[in-house]
Every structure is written in structure tokens, then in C-alpha cells.
N, C-alpha and C. Protein backbone atom coordinates (compact mmCIF):
# COMPACT_ATOMS: atom_id res chain seq x y z
N MET A 1 0.82 -1.20 0.00
CA MET A 1 0.00 0.00 0.00
C MET A 1 0.86 1.26 0.00
N GLU A 2 1.90 1.25 0.80
CA GLU A 2 2.76 2.44 0.89
C GLU A 2 3.40 2.78 -0.46
N LEU A 3 3.75 1.77 -1.24
CA LEU A 3 4.32 2.00 -2.57
C LEU A 3 3.34 2.78 -3.45
N TRP A 4 2.06 2.39 -3.42
CA TRP A 4 1.04 3.08 -4.23
C TRP A 4 0.84 4.52 -3.78
N ILE A 5 0.91 4.75 -2.50
CA ILE A 5 0.78 6.11 -1.97
C ILE A 5 1.97 6.96 -2.43
N ASP A 6 3.16 6.36 -2.40
CA ASP A 6 4.35 7.07 -2.91
C ASP A 6 4.21 7.37 -4.41
N ILE A 7 3.72 6.42 -5.17
CA ILE A 7 3.53 6.63 -6.62
C ILE A 7 2.53 7.76 -6.86
N LEU A 8 1.43 7.76 -6.10
CA LEU A 8 0.46 8.86 -6.23
C LEU A 8 1.10 10.21 -5.88
N GLY A 9 1.90 10.23 -4.84
CA GLY A 9 2.57 11.47 -4.45
C GLY A 9 3.49 11.99 -5.55
N TRP A 10 4.26 11.10 -6.13
CA TRP A 10 5.16 11.51 -7.22
C TRP A 10 4.39 11.94 -8.45
N ALA A 11 3.30 11.23 -8.76
CA ALA A 11 2.47 11.61 -9.91
C ALA A 11 1.85 12.99 -9.68
N GLY A 12 1.42 13.24 -8.46
CA GLY A 12 0.86 14.55 -8.12
C GLY A 12 1.90 15.65 -8.24
N ALA A 13 3.09 15.39 -7.75
CA ALA A 13 4.17 16.38 -7.85
C ALA A 13 4.49 16.68 -9.31
N LEU A 14 4.56 15.64 -10.12
CA LEU A 14 4.85 15.84 -11.55
C LEU A 14 3.74 16.61 -12.25
N ALA A 15 2.48 16.33 -11.91
CA ALA A 15 1.36 17.04 -12.53
C ALA A 15 1.39 18.53 -12.20
N VAL A 16 1.63 18.85 -10.93
CA VAL A 16 1.68 20.26 -10.52
C VAL A 16 2.88 20.96 -11.16
N LEU A 17 4.02 20.31 -11.21
CA LEU A 17 5.19 20.92 -11.83
C LEU A 17 5.02 21.07 -13.34
N LEU A 18 4.38 20.09 -13.97
CA LEU A 18 4.11 20.20 -15.40
C LEU A 18 3.19 21.38 -15.68
N ALA A 19 2.15 21.52 -14.89
CA ALA A 19 1.22 22.65 -15.05
C ALA A 19 1.97 23.98 -14.91
N TYR A 20 2.79 24.08 -13.90
CA TYR A 20 3.57 25.30 -13.67
C TYR A 20 4.53 25.58 -14.82
N GLY A 21 5.20 24.55 -15.29
CA GLY A 21 6.13 24.70 -16.41
C GLY A 21 5.43 25.12 -17.69
N LEU A 22 4.26 24.54 -17.96
CA LEU A 22 3.51 24.90 -19.16
C LEU A 22 3.05 26.36 -19.13
N VAL A 23 2.55 26.80 -17.99
CA VAL A 23 2.09 28.19 -17.87
C VAL A 23 3.29 29.15 -17.90
N SER A 24 4.36 28.80 -17.25
CA SER A 24 5.53 29.67 -17.21
C SER A 24 6.18 29.84 -18.57
N ASN A 25 6.05 28.84 -19.42
CA ASN A 25 6.63 28.90 -20.76
C ASN A 25 5.60 29.22 -21.84
N HIS A 26 4.45 29.72 -21.42
CA HIS A 26 3.39 30.18 -22.33
C HIS A 26 2.91 29.10 -23.29
N LYS A 27 2.91 27.86 -22.83
CA LYS A 27 2.38 26.75 -23.63
C LYS A 27 0.88 26.60 -23.41
N VAL A 28 0.42 26.95 -22.23
CA VAL A 28 -1.01 27.00 -21.91
C VAL A 28 -1.26 28.26 -21.10
N LYS A 29 -2.52 28.66 -21.04
CA LYS A 29 -2.89 29.83 -20.24
C LYS A 29 -3.36 29.37 -18.86
N GLY A 30 -3.25 30.26 -17.90
CA GLY A 30 -3.66 29.94 -16.54
C GLY A 30 -5.14 29.66 -16.40
N ASP A 31 -5.93 30.15 -17.35
CA ASP A 31 -7.37 29.88 -17.27
C ASP A 31 -7.80 28.77 -18.23
N SER A 32 -6.84 27.94 -18.66
CA SER A 32 -7.17 26.82 -19.55
C SER A 32 -7.57 25.60 -18.72
N GLN A 33 -8.37 24.74 -19.32
CA GLN A 33 -8.79 23.53 -18.62
C GLN A 33 -7.61 22.59 -18.35
N ILE A 34 -6.71 22.46 -19.29
CA ILE A 34 -5.57 21.54 -19.08
C ILE A 34 -4.75 21.95 -17.86
N TYR A 35 -4.51 23.25 -17.73
CA TYR A 35 -3.76 23.75 -16.57
C TYR A 35 -4.50 23.44 -15.28
N GLN A 36 -5.80 23.72 -15.25
CA GLN A 36 -6.58 23.50 -14.04
C GLN A 36 -6.75 22.01 -13.73
N TRP A 37 -6.91 21.17 -14.75
CA TRP A 37 -7.03 19.73 -14.51
C TRP A 37 -5.72 19.16 -13.96
N LEU A 38 -4.60 19.62 -14.50
CA LEU A 38 -3.31 19.15 -13.96
C LEU A 38 -3.16 19.55 -12.50
N ASN A 39 -3.56 20.78 -12.16
CA ASN A 39 -3.50 21.22 -10.77
C ASN A 39 -4.45 20.44 -9.88
N LEU A 40 -5.66 20.19 -10.38
CA LEU A 40 -6.63 19.44 -9.59
C LEU A 40 -6.15 18.01 -9.33
N ALA A 41 -5.73 17.32 -10.38
CA ALA A 41 -5.24 15.94 -10.21
C ALA A 41 -4.01 15.91 -9.32
N GLY A 42 -3.08 16.82 -9.58
CA GLY A 42 -1.87 16.87 -8.77
C GLY A 42 -2.18 17.13 -7.31
N GLY A 43 -3.09 18.06 -7.06
CA GLY A 43 -3.47 18.37 -5.68
C GLY A 43 -4.12 17.19 -4.98
N ILE A 44 -4.99 16.48 -5.69
CA ILE A 44 -5.65 15.31 -5.09
C ILE A 44 -4.63 14.22 -4.76
N PHE A 45 -3.75 13.94 -5.71
CA PHE A 45 -2.75 12.90 -5.47
C PHE A 45 -1.81 13.27 -4.32
N LEU A 46 -1.39 14.54 -4.30
CA LEU A 46 -0.53 14.98 -3.20
C LEU A 46 -1.28 14.97 -1.87
N LEU A 47 -2.56 15.31 -1.89
CA LEU A 47 -3.36 15.28 -0.66
C LEU A 47 -3.41 13.86 -0.09
N ILE A 48 -3.67 12.89 -0.94
CA ILE A 48 -3.71 11.49 -0.48
C ILE A 48 -2.37 11.12 0.16
N ASN A 49 -1.29 11.49 -0.50
CA ASN A 49 0.04 11.18 -0.01
C ASN A 49 0.32 11.86 1.34
N THR A 50 0.00 13.15 1.43
CA THR A 50 0.33 13.88 2.66
C THR A 50 -0.54 13.44 3.84
N ILE A 51 -1.79 13.11 3.59
CA ILE A 51 -2.63 12.61 4.68
C ILE A 51 -2.13 11.26 5.16
N TYR A 52 -1.79 10.39 4.23
CA TYR A 52 -1.30 9.05 4.59
C TYR A 52 -0.06 9.15 5.47
N PHE A 53 0.84 10.05 5.13
CA PHE A 53 2.09 10.17 5.88
C PHE A 53 2.01 11.19 7.02
N GLY A 54 0.84 11.77 7.25
CA GLY A 54 0.64 12.65 8.40
C GLY A 54 1.25 14.03 8.26
N ALA A 55 1.45 14.49 7.04
CA ALA A 55 2.02 15.82 6.82
C ALA A 55 0.86 16.82 6.72
N ILE A 56 0.33 17.20 7.87
CA ILE A 56 -0.88 18.00 7.94
C ILE A 56 -0.73 19.38 7.28
N PRO A 57 0.36 20.12 7.49
CA PRO A 57 0.48 21.41 6.80
C PRO A 57 0.46 21.27 5.27
N SER A 58 1.12 20.27 4.76
CA SER A 58 1.10 20.02 3.32
C SER A 58 -0.29 19.60 2.86
N ALA A 59 -0.98 18.82 3.67
CA ALA A 59 -2.35 18.41 3.34
C ALA A 59 -3.24 19.64 3.24
N PHE A 60 -3.08 20.58 4.17
CA PHE A 60 -3.87 21.82 4.14
C PHE A 60 -3.62 22.59 2.85
N VAL A 61 -2.36 22.73 2.46
CA VAL A 61 -2.02 23.44 1.22
C VAL A 61 -2.69 22.75 0.03
N ASN A 62 -2.70 21.45 0.01
CA ASN A 62 -3.30 20.72 -1.10
C ASN A 62 -4.82 20.84 -1.12
N VAL A 63 -5.47 20.93 0.03
CA VAL A 63 -6.91 21.16 0.06
C VAL A 63 -7.22 22.52 -0.57
N VAL A 64 -6.45 23.53 -0.21
CA VAL A 64 -6.64 24.87 -0.79
C VAL A 64 -6.35 24.82 -2.28
N TRP A 65 -5.29 24.15 -2.69
CA TRP A 65 -4.90 24.01 -4.10
C TRP A 65 -6.04 23.38 -4.91
N ILE A 66 -6.63 22.33 -4.37
CA ILE A 66 -7.75 21.66 -5.02
C ILE A 66 -8.94 22.61 -5.13
N GLY A 67 -9.23 23.32 -4.07
CA GLY A 67 -10.34 24.27 -4.07
C GLY A 67 -10.17 25.34 -5.14
N ILE A 68 -8.97 25.87 -5.27
CA ILE A 68 -8.70 26.88 -6.30
C ILE A 68 -8.93 26.30 -7.69
N ALA A 69 -8.45 25.10 -7.93
CA ALA A 69 -8.63 24.46 -9.24
C ALA A 69 -10.10 24.21 -9.53
N VAL A 70 -10.86 23.75 -8.55
CA VAL A 70 -12.28 23.48 -8.76
C VAL A 70 -13.03 24.76 -9.08
N VAL A 71 -12.77 25.83 -8.33
CA VAL A 71 -13.43 27.11 -8.59
C VAL A 71 -13.07 27.62 -9.99
N ALA A 72 -11.80 27.51 -10.36
CA ALA A 72 -11.37 27.96 -11.69
C ALA A 72 -12.04 27.16 -12.79
N LEU A 73 -12.15 25.84 -12.62
CA LEU A 73 -12.82 25.01 -13.62
C LEU A 73 -14.30 25.36 -13.75
N ILE A 74 -14.96 25.62 -12.63
CA ILE A 74 -16.37 26.01 -12.68
C ILE A 74 -16.52 27.33 -13.44
N LYS A 75 -15.62 28.28 -13.19
CA LYS A 75 -15.67 29.55 -13.91
C LYS A 75 -15.44 29.35 -15.40
N ILE A 76 -14.52 28.47 -15.76
CA ILE A 76 -14.26 28.18 -17.18
C ILE A 76 -15.50 27.58 -17.82
N TRP A 77 -16.11 26.60 -17.15
CA TRP A 77 -17.27 25.90 -17.71
C TRP A 77 -18.48 26.81 -17.84
N THR A 78 -18.62 27.78 -16.96
CA THR A 78 -19.80 28.64 -16.98
C THR A 78 -19.57 29.95 -17.72
N SER A 79 -18.38 30.16 -18.23
CA SER A 79 -18.07 31.39 -18.95
C SER A 79 -18.77 31.43 -20.30
N PRO A 80 -19.39 32.57 -20.64
CA PRO A 80 -20.02 32.67 -21.96
C PRO A 80 -18.99 32.70 -23.09
N PHE A 81 -17.73 32.94 -22.78
CA PHE A 81 -16.67 33.01 -23.78
C PHE A 81 -15.84 31.74 -23.84
N ARG A 82 -16.35 30.66 -23.28
CA ARG A 82 -15.61 29.40 -23.14
C ARG A 82 -15.03 28.91 -24.47
N GLY A 83 -15.81 28.85 -25.50
CA GLY A 83 -15.35 28.33 -26.78
C GLY A 83 -14.24 29.16 -27.36
N ARG A 84 -14.35 30.47 -27.29
CA ARG A 84 -13.31 31.34 -27.85
C ARG A 84 -12.02 31.28 -27.03
N ARG A 85 -12.14 31.17 -25.71
CA ARG A 85 -10.94 31.14 -24.86
C ARG A 85 -10.12 29.90 -25.13
N GLU A 86 -10.74 28.76 -25.30
CA GLU A 86 -10.04 27.50 -25.51
C GLU A 86 -9.27 27.49 -26.84
N GLN A 87 -9.69 28.31 -27.80
CA GLN A 87 -9.05 28.32 -29.11
C GLN A 87 -7.82 29.21 -29.16
N LYS A 88 -7.69 30.17 -28.25
CA LYS A 88 -6.55 31.08 -28.26
C LYS A 88 -5.28 30.35 -27.89
N THR A 89 -4.19 30.67 -28.57
CA THR A 89 -2.92 30.01 -28.27
C THR A 89 -1.81 31.00 -27.91
N ASP A 90 -2.03 32.31 -28.08
CA ASP A 90 -0.95 33.25 -27.75
C ASP A 90 -1.05 33.83 -26.38
């Protein structure tokens, strides 16, 4: 079981770092679904890992991280400009 928790933790770390790298290098926008999904998945995986290992401060950060991603995704889905925003690449 501990191996799977470690794998989830590493996958979460990679997802969050990938999201950050993509936004920092202008490959995706901060309000894109791919960016927010990477953050959401990464946050969930890291949350599972930090709770399992008892890292409560890190777990708190990941709960907030997940909340931010969920709110951002809801805003993207409910935006009247959703179709046009997803097509922009610059």
C-alpha cells in the first residue's frame, strides 16, 4: 500500500510541476482547462500522499490548491466566452 501512496505522491508532484512549467513557458494559459485539470489531479494525489504520511500542513495546502482548481474550472465551464478562450494560443 505504501508504494502506491508514494507513486500517487510523485504523480501529483509531476502534474503540478508540469502545469507550472507549461504556464511559465506560455504553452497553456492559466485559465485553460488543461492547466486546471493538472493542478486538480496533482493536488488530489498529493493530498492522499500527505494525509497518509501525516504531513498535515502540506495536506492543508493541497486542500486549498484543489479548491482553487475546482473554482477555476467552474468559472471556465460557466463562462459565456468558453469556446473562444479555448481556441486562443498566444
